[in-house]
Amino acid sequence: MANYKTKTKVLNGVSTFFKVFVIVLFIFPFIWMISISLQTEKEIMTFPATLIPASPQFINYVTAWNKIPFLTFLKNSVVITCT
């Protein structure tokens, strides 16, 4: 009986570890993407790379919004999806 409980606990531990590993594996690219979007060009090119920017540059989002016609792209996506 004790052997069954020990085996169950070990399997539950391995299962939990695997689930957490998969979650981190899927979430990390999104965290990295947001981190890179908030860094300066100089910070992006440094080695080794940093995950947390020294001074977040939210102006990068404004610059991207002004350079690329997102609303046009959104309108095209909606038109294609609805037709």
Protein backbone atom coordinates (compact mmCIF):
# COMPACT_ATOMS: atom_id res chain seq x y z
CA MET A 1 0.00 0.00 0.00
CA ALA A 2 2.80 2.43 0.88
CA ASN A 3 4.55 1.59 -2.39
CA TYR A 4 1.41 2.62 -4.35
CA LYS A 5 1.19 5.95 -2.51
CA THR A 6 4.88 6.66 -3.10
CA LYS A 7 4.56 5.78 -6.78
CA THR A 8 1.48 8.03 -7.11
CA LYS A 9 3.27 10.95 -5.43
CA VAL A 10 6.29 10.56 -7.70
CA LEU A 11 4.10 10.40 -10.82
CA ASN A 12 2.15 13.46 -9.67
CA GLY A 13 5.42 15.32 -9.09
CA VAL A 14 6.78 14.39 -12.52
CA SER A 15 3.48 15.32 -14.14
CA THR A 16 3.41 18.71 -12.42
CA PHE A 17 7.04 19.41 -13.35
CA PHE A 18 6.34 18.53 -16.99
CA LYS A 19 3.24 20.76 -17.09
CA VAL A 20 5.12 23.71 -15.61
CA PHE A 21 7.99 23.14 -18.06
CA VAL A 22 5.60 23.16 -21.04
CA ILE A 23 3.84 26.29 -19.78
CA VAL A 24 7.17 28.12 -19.40
CA LEU A 25 8.24 26.88 -22.83
CA PHE A 26 5.12 28.39 -24.41
CA ILE A 27 4.98 31.63 -22.36
CA PHE A 28 8.67 32.59 -22.53
CA PRO A 29 8.66 33.71 -26.21
CA PHE A 30 5.85 36.19 -25.46
CA ILE A 31 7.71 37.55 -22.44
CA TRP A 32 10.86 37.83 -24.56
CA MET A 33 8.93 39.62 -27.34
CA ILE A 34 7.54 42.21 -24.92
CA SER A 35 10.94 42.65 -23.30
CA ILE A 36 12.67 43.24 -26.64
CA SER A 37 9.97 45.69 -27.72
CA LEU A 38 10.69 47.85 -24.66
CA GLN A 39 14.49 47.95 -25.12
CA THR A 40 16.67 50.40 -26.99
CA GLU A 41 18.58 49.23 -30.07
CA LYS A 42 21.79 49.28 -28.05
CA GLU A 43 20.28 47.03 -25.37
CA ILE A 44 18.97 44.61 -27.98
CA MET A 45 22.44 44.21 -29.49
CA THR A 46 24.27 43.63 -26.19
CA PHE A 47 25.68 40.25 -25.30
CA PRO A 48 24.61 38.56 -23.13
CA ALA A 49 21.02 39.55 -23.69
CA THR A 50 18.95 40.97 -20.86
CA LEU A 51 15.35 40.09 -20.14
CA ILE A 52 14.47 43.25 -18.20
CA PRO A 53 15.21 46.55 -19.98
CA ALA A 54 17.25 49.12 -18.04
CA SER A 55 14.81 51.87 -18.97
CA PRO A 56 11.64 50.73 -20.78
CA GLN A 57 11.05 52.61 -24.02
CA PHE A 58 7.28 52.75 -24.48
CA ILE A 59 7.88 55.25 -27.29
CA ASN A 60 8.77 52.20 -29.42
CA TYR A 61 5.07 51.36 -29.60
CA VAL A 62 4.18 54.89 -30.69
CA THR A 63 6.89 54.80 -33.35
CA ALA A 64 5.66 51.45 -34.68
CA TRP A 65 2.04 52.66 -34.70
CA ASN A 66 3.00 55.78 -36.71
CA LYS A 67 5.28 53.98 -39.22
CA ILE A 68 2.99 51.08 -40.07
CA PRO A 69 -0.67 51.48 -41.11
CA PHE A 70 -2.14 49.11 -38.52
CA LEU A 71 -5.70 50.28 -39.06
CA THR A 72 -5.45 49.45 -42.77
CA PHE A 73 -4.09 46.01 -41.92
CA LEU A 74 -6.90 45.50 -39.40
CA LYS A 75 -9.52 46.56 -41.94
CA ASN A 76 -8.07 44.14 -44.53
CA SER A 77 -8.10 41.32 -41.99
CA VAL A 78 -11.72 41.99 -41.06
CA VAL A 79 -12.77 42.14 -44.72
CA ILE A 80 -11.00 38.88 -45.55
CA THR A 81 -12.39 37.16 -42.46
CA CYS A 82 -15.96 38.25 -43.07
CA THR A 83 -16.09 37.39 -46.77
